[in-house]
């Protein structure tokens, strides 16, 4: 029993902050190549400063090669924004007042709303009926789905 308690105490000290840390806000997936078909090698939270090595044309269209500390790979160009002279993973903000739905579609109940120009945590997006794309969002204590076209990366270099 003492061994189990000792291990639990050590784990709480080593990993305790991870369990209660704030969620990463609107991360950008870093891939090993310039396409969503390449594996994700890291995730960079919004606000991370990056060095842009190249933003390609042709087969690399819409992808930028970046370096952020030890992380080197490719991100979708639309996730990059500017802040002064710096390039960073841009935070996601609302274009207008945006409804939060319980599920990915207008047939789901509206569970909240987000005022215009507010930063949100955006997760995975899914295709819905009628060609509408819905993204999982968290704002305050509400988590649900909003229409992707109502969300944008702030000061984006290449709008999504």
C-alpha atoms as a PDB file:
ATOM      1  CA  UNK A   1       0.000   0.000   0.000  1.00  0.00           C
ATOM      2  CA  UNK A   2       2.847   2.392   0.829  1.00  0.00           C
ATOM      3  CA  UNK A   3       4.373   1.754  -2.618  1.00  0.00           C
ATOM      4  CA  UNK A   4       1.101   2.631  -4.341  1.00  0.00           C
ATOM      5  CA  UNK A   5       0.696   5.817  -2.289  1.00  0.00           C
ATOM      6  CA  UNK A   6       4.328   6.751  -2.923  1.00  0.00           C
ATOM      7  CA  UNK A   7       3.887   6.262  -6.669  1.00  0.00           C
ATOM      8  CA  UNK A   8       0.644   8.247  -6.658  1.00  0.00           C
ATOM      9  CA  UNK A   9       2.314  11.097  -4.762  1.00  0.00           C
ATOM     10  CA  UNK A  10       5.264  11.146  -7.167  1.00  0.00           C
ATOM     11  CA  UNK A  11       2.930  11.116 -10.173  1.00  0.00           C
ATOM     12  CA  UNK A  12       0.905  13.982  -8.709  1.00  0.00           C
ATOM     13  CA  UNK A  13       4.062  16.047  -8.227  1.00  0.00           C
ATOM     14  CA  UNK A  14       5.423  15.262 -11.702  1.00  0.00           C
ATOM     15  CA  UNK A  15       2.215  15.435 -13.696  1.00  0.00           C
ATOM     16  CA  UNK A  16      -0.218  17.294 -11.457  1.00  0.00           C
ATOM     17  CA  UNK A  17      -0.062  20.511 -13.444  1.00  0.00           C
ATOM     18  CA  UNK A  18      -0.832  18.719 -16.702  1.00  0.00           C
ATOM     19  CA  UNK A  19      -4.164  17.431 -15.453  1.00  0.00           C
ATOM     20  CA  UNK A  20      -5.315  20.892 -14.403  1.00  0.00           C
ATOM     21  CA  UNK A  21      -3.577  23.038 -17.028  1.00  0.00           C
ATOM     22  CA  UNK A  22      -5.575  25.433 -19.182  1.00  0.00           C
ATOM     23  CA  UNK A  23      -6.534  23.922 -22.527  1.00  0.00           C
ATOM     24  CA  UNK A  24      -4.382  24.758 -25.519  1.00  0.00           C
ATOM     25  CA  UNK A  25      -6.140  27.499 -27.487  1.00  0.00           C
ATOM     26  CA  UNK A  26      -6.794  26.853 -31.181  1.00  0.00           C
ATOM     27  CA  UNK A  27      -3.634  24.856 -31.861  1.00  0.00           C
ATOM     28  CA  UNK A  28      -2.040  24.482 -35.283  1.00  0.00           C
ATOM     29  CA  UNK A  29      -0.949  21.018 -36.345  1.00  0.00           C
ATOM     30  CA  UNK A  30       2.647  20.841 -37.532  1.00  0.00           C
ATOM     31  CA  UNK A  31       3.099  18.132 -40.155  1.00  0.00           C
ATOM     32  CA  UNK A  32       6.166  16.437 -41.556  1.00  0.00           C
ATOM     33  CA  UNK A  33       5.177  17.487 -45.095  1.00  0.00           C
ATOM     34  CA  UNK A  34       3.041  20.117 -46.878  1.00  0.00           C
ATOM     35  CA  UNK A  35      -0.327  18.370 -46.942  1.00  0.00           C
ATOM     36  CA  UNK A  36      -2.948  17.065 -44.515  1.00  0.00           C
ATOM     37  CA  UNK A  37      -1.894  13.580 -45.656  1.00  0.00           C
ATOM     38  CA  UNK A  38       1.447  13.921 -43.841  1.00  0.00           C
ATOM     39  CA  UNK A  39       1.583  12.871 -40.168  1.00  0.00           C
ATOM     40  CA  UNK A  40       1.194  15.435 -37.386  1.00  0.00           C
ATOM     41  CA  UNK A  41       4.530  15.770 -35.585  1.00  0.00           C
ATOM     42  CA  UNK A  42       3.620  18.537 -33.121  1.00  0.00           C
ATOM     43  CA  UNK A  43       0.919  21.000 -32.157  1.00  0.00           C
ATOM     44  CA  UNK A  44       1.592  24.697 -31.544  1.00  0.00           C
ATOM     45  CA  UNK A  45      -0.855  26.774 -29.473  1.00  0.00           C
ATOM     46  CA  UNK A  46      -2.125  30.118 -30.726  1.00  0.00           C
ATOM     47  CA  UNK A  47       0.340  32.862 -29.904  1.00  0.00           C
ATOM     48  CA  UNK A  48       3.437  30.744 -30.556  1.00  0.00           C
ATOM     49  CA  UNK A  49       6.114  32.742 -32.401  1.00  0.00           C
ATOM     50  CA  UNK A  50       7.341  30.942 -35.512  1.00  0.00           C
ATOM     51  CA  UNK A  51      10.067  31.509 -38.062  1.00  0.00           C
ATOM     52  CA  UNK A  52       8.705  31.101 -41.576  1.00  0.00           C
ATOM     53  CA  UNK A  53      11.268  29.341 -43.745  1.00  0.00           C
ATOM     54  CA  UNK A  54       9.163  29.217 -46.908  1.00  0.00           C
ATOM     55  CA  UNK A  55       5.573  29.414 -48.084  1.00  0.00           C
ATOM     56  CA  UNK A  56       5.350  27.380 -51.220  1.00  0.00           C
ATOM     57  CA  UNK A  57       3.565  27.542 -54.487  1.00  0.00           C
ATOM     58  CA  UNK A  58       2.724  24.617 -56.719  1.00  0.00           C
ATOM     59  CA  UNK A  59       2.590  21.297 -54.901  1.00  0.00           C
ATOM     60  CA  UNK A  60       3.158  23.064 -51.560  1.00  0.00           C
ATOM     61  CA  UNK A  61       0.335  25.547 -52.182  1.00  0.00           C
ATOM     62  CA  UNK A  62      -1.257  26.852 -48.991  1.00  0.00           C
ATOM     63  CA  UNK A  63       1.495  25.407 -46.760  1.00  0.00           C
ATOM     64  CA  UNK A  64       4.386  27.100 -44.975  1.00  0.00           C
ATOM     65  CA  UNK A  65       7.545  25.516 -43.645  1.00  0.00           C
ATOM     66  CA  UNK A  66       8.132  26.817 -40.111  1.00  0.00           C
ATOM     67  CA  UNK A  67      10.470  26.517 -37.146  1.00  0.00           C
ATOM     68  CA  UNK A  68       9.343  27.093 -33.551  1.00  0.00           C
ATOM     69  CA  UNK A  69      12.091  26.196 -31.104  1.00  0.00           C
ATOM     70  CA  UNK A  70      12.956  22.548 -31.754  1.00  0.00           C
ATOM     71  CA  UNK A  71       9.793  21.999 -33.824  1.00  0.00           C
ATOM     72  CA  UNK A  72      10.359  22.062 -37.598  1.00  0.00           C
ATOM     73  CA  UNK A  73       7.666  21.190 -40.124  1.00  0.00           C
ATOM     74  CA  UNK A  74       4.750  22.465 -42.198  1.00  0.00           C
ATOM     75  CA  UNK A  75       1.553  24.273 -41.190  1.00  0.00           C
ATOM     76  CA  UNK A  76      -1.466  25.327 -43.215  1.00  0.00           C
ATOM     77  CA  UNK A  77      -0.726  28.897 -44.290  1.00  0.00           C
ATOM     78  CA  UNK A  78      -4.108  30.088 -43.001  1.00  0.00           C
ATOM     79  CA  UNK A  79      -3.138  29.521 -39.354  1.00  0.00           C
ATOM     80  CA  UNK A  80      -0.330  32.100 -39.465  1.00  0.00           C
ATOM     81  CA  UNK A  81      -0.858  35.704 -38.499  1.00  0.00           C
ATOM     82  CA  UNK A  82       1.130  38.767 -37.565  1.00  0.00           C
ATOM     83  CA  UNK A  83       1.678  40.697 -34.382  1.00  0.00           C
ATOM     84  CA  UNK A  84       3.972  43.650 -34.959  1.00  0.00           C
ATOM     85  CA  UNK A  85       7.001  42.327 -36.828  1.00  0.00           C
ATOM     86  CA  UNK A  86       6.446  38.767 -35.605  1.00  0.00           C
ATOM     87  CA  UNK A  87       4.744  35.839 -37.303  1.00  0.00           C
ATOM     88  CA  UNK A  88       2.796  33.575 -34.983  1.00  0.00           C
ATOM     89  CA  UNK A  89       0.086  30.952 -34.817  1.00  0.00           C
ATOM     90  CA  UNK A  90      -2.890  33.283 -34.985  1.00  0.00           C
ATOM     91  CA  UNK A  91      -5.682  33.025 -32.407  1.00  0.00           C
ATOM     92  CA  UNK A  92      -9.209  32.287 -33.647  1.00  0.00           C
ATOM     93  CA  UNK A  93     -11.778  35.083 -33.274  1.00  0.00           C
ATOM     94  CA  UNK A  94     -15.446  35.462 -34.178  1.00  0.00           C
ATOM     95  CA  UNK A  95     -16.481  37.530 -37.225  1.00  0.00           C
ATOM     96  CA  UNK A  96     -19.948  38.328 -35.825  1.00  0.00           C
ATOM     97  CA  UNK A  97     -22.158  37.283 -32.943  1.00  0.00           C
ATOM     98  CA  UNK A  98     -21.953  33.500 -33.250  1.00  0.00           C
ATOM     99  CA  UNK A  99     -24.320  30.817 -31.950  1.00  0.00           C
ATOM    100  CA  UNK A 100     -22.965  27.738 -30.183  1.00  0.00           C
ATOM    101  CA  UNK A 101     -24.956  24.609 -31.051  1.00  0.00           C
ATOM    102  CA  UNK A 102     -24.997  21.364 -29.072  1.00  0.00           C
ATOM    103  CA  UNK A 103     -24.008  19.440 -32.223  1.00  0.00           C
ATOM    104  CA  UNK A 104     -22.715  20.151 -35.744  1.00  0.00           C
ATOM    105  CA  UNK A 105     -25.897  21.472 -37.378  1.00  0.00           C
ATOM    106  CA  UNK A 106     -28.772  23.940 -37.079  1.00  0.00           C
ATOM    107  CA  UNK A 107     -31.110  21.129 -36.001  1.00  0.00           C
ATOM    108  CA  UNK A 108     -29.264  20.950 -32.682  1.00  0.00           C
ATOM    109  CA  UNK A 109     -30.211  23.146 -29.726  1.00  0.00           C
ATOM    110  CA  UNK A 110     -28.447  26.507 -29.340  1.00  0.00           C
ATOM    111  CA  UNK A 111     -26.613  26.343 -26.005  1.00  0.00           C
ATOM    112  CA  UNK A 112     -24.918  29.740 -26.021  1.00  0.00           C
ATOM    113  CA  UNK A 113     -23.517  32.567 -28.070  1.00  0.00           C
ATOM    114  CA  UNK A 114     -20.211  34.330 -28.594  1.00  0.00           C
ATOM    115  CA  UNK A 115     -20.012  38.098 -29.148  1.00  0.00           C
ATOM    116  CA  UNK A 116     -18.187  39.528 -32.171  1.00  0.00           C
ATOM    117  CA  UNK A 117     -14.362  39.758 -32.048  1.00  0.00           C
ATOM    118  CA  UNK A 118     -13.966  37.300 -29.174  1.00  0.00           C
ATOM    119  CA  UNK A 119     -11.138  34.767 -28.994  1.00  0.00           C
ATOM    120  CA  UNK A 120     -12.337  31.161 -28.927  1.00  0.00           C
ATOM    121  CA  UNK A 121     -10.718  27.770 -28.605  1.00  0.00           C
ATOM    122  CA  UNK A 122     -11.374  26.022 -31.933  1.00  0.00           C
ATOM    123  CA  UNK A 123     -11.025  22.279 -32.269  1.00  0.00           C
ATOM    124  CA  UNK A 124     -11.698  19.854 -35.092  1.00  0.00           C
ATOM    125  CA  UNK A 125     -14.069  20.776 -37.915  1.00  0.00           C
ATOM    126  CA  UNK A 126     -16.551  18.471 -39.658  1.00  0.00           C
ATOM    127  CA  UNK A 127     -18.590  18.752 -42.854  1.00  0.00           C
ATOM    128  CA  UNK A 128     -22.300  19.225 -42.302  1.00  0.00           C
ATOM    129  CA  UNK A 129     -25.405  19.300 -44.468  1.00  0.00           C
ATOM    130  CA  UNK A 130     -25.506  21.726 -47.381  1.00  0.00           C
ATOM    131  CA  UNK A 131     -21.740  22.089 -47.575  1.00  0.00           C
ATOM    132  CA  UNK A 132     -21.508  23.896 -44.226  1.00  0.00           C
ATOM    133  CA  UNK A 133     -18.446  23.137 -42.110  1.00  0.00           C
ATOM    134  CA  UNK A 134     -18.880  23.080 -38.327  1.00  0.00           C
ATOM    135  CA  UNK A 135     -16.047  23.491 -35.827  1.00  0.00           C
ATOM    136  CA  UNK A 136     -15.962  22.476 -32.203  1.00  0.00           C
ATOM    137  CA  UNK A 137     -15.533  25.613 -30.092  1.00  0.00           C
ATOM    138  CA  UNK A 138     -15.112  26.450 -26.442  1.00  0.00           C
ATOM    139  CA  UNK A 139     -15.974  29.887 -25.129  1.00  0.00           C
ATOM    140  CA  UNK A 140     -16.171  30.481 -21.413  1.00  0.00           C
ATOM    141  CA  UNK A 141     -17.686  27.324 -19.968  1.00  0.00           C
ATOM    142  CA  UNK A 142     -19.630  26.382 -23.110  1.00  0.00           C
ATOM    143  CA  UNK A 143     -18.394  23.790 -25.598  1.00  0.00           C
ATOM    144  CA  UNK A 144     -20.312  23.059 -28.772  1.00  0.00           C
ATOM    145  CA  UNK A 145     -20.232  23.721 -32.517  1.00  0.00           C
ATOM    146  CA  UNK A 146     -20.221  26.889 -34.607  1.00  0.00           C
ATOM    147  CA  UNK A 147     -20.157  27.515 -38.348  1.00  0.00           C
ATOM    148  CA  UNK A 148     -16.552  27.731 -39.579  1.00  0.00           C
ATOM    149  CA  UNK A 149     -17.202  30.746 -41.816  1.00  0.00           C
ATOM    150  CA  UNK A 150     -18.038  32.758 -38.670  1.00  0.00           C
ATOM    151  CA  UNK A 151     -14.545  32.098 -37.280  1.00  0.00           C
ATOM    152  CA  UNK A 152     -11.215  33.417 -38.511  1.00  0.00           C
ATOM    153  CA  UNK A 153      -7.566  33.479 -37.531  1.00  0.00           C
ATOM    154  CA  UNK A 154      -6.826  37.005 -36.278  1.00  0.00           C
ATOM    155  CA  UNK A 155      -4.496  39.022 -38.564  1.00  0.00           C
ATOM    156  CA  UNK A 156      -4.117  35.977 -40.781  1.00  0.00           C
ATOM    157  CA  UNK A 157      -1.526  36.229 -43.534  1.00  0.00           C
ATOM    158  CA  UNK A 158      -3.523  33.857 -45.726  1.00  0.00           C
ATOM    159  CA  UNK A 159      -7.242  33.781 -44.788  1.00  0.00           C
ATOM    160  CA  UNK A 160      -8.764  30.307 -44.471  1.00  0.00           C
END
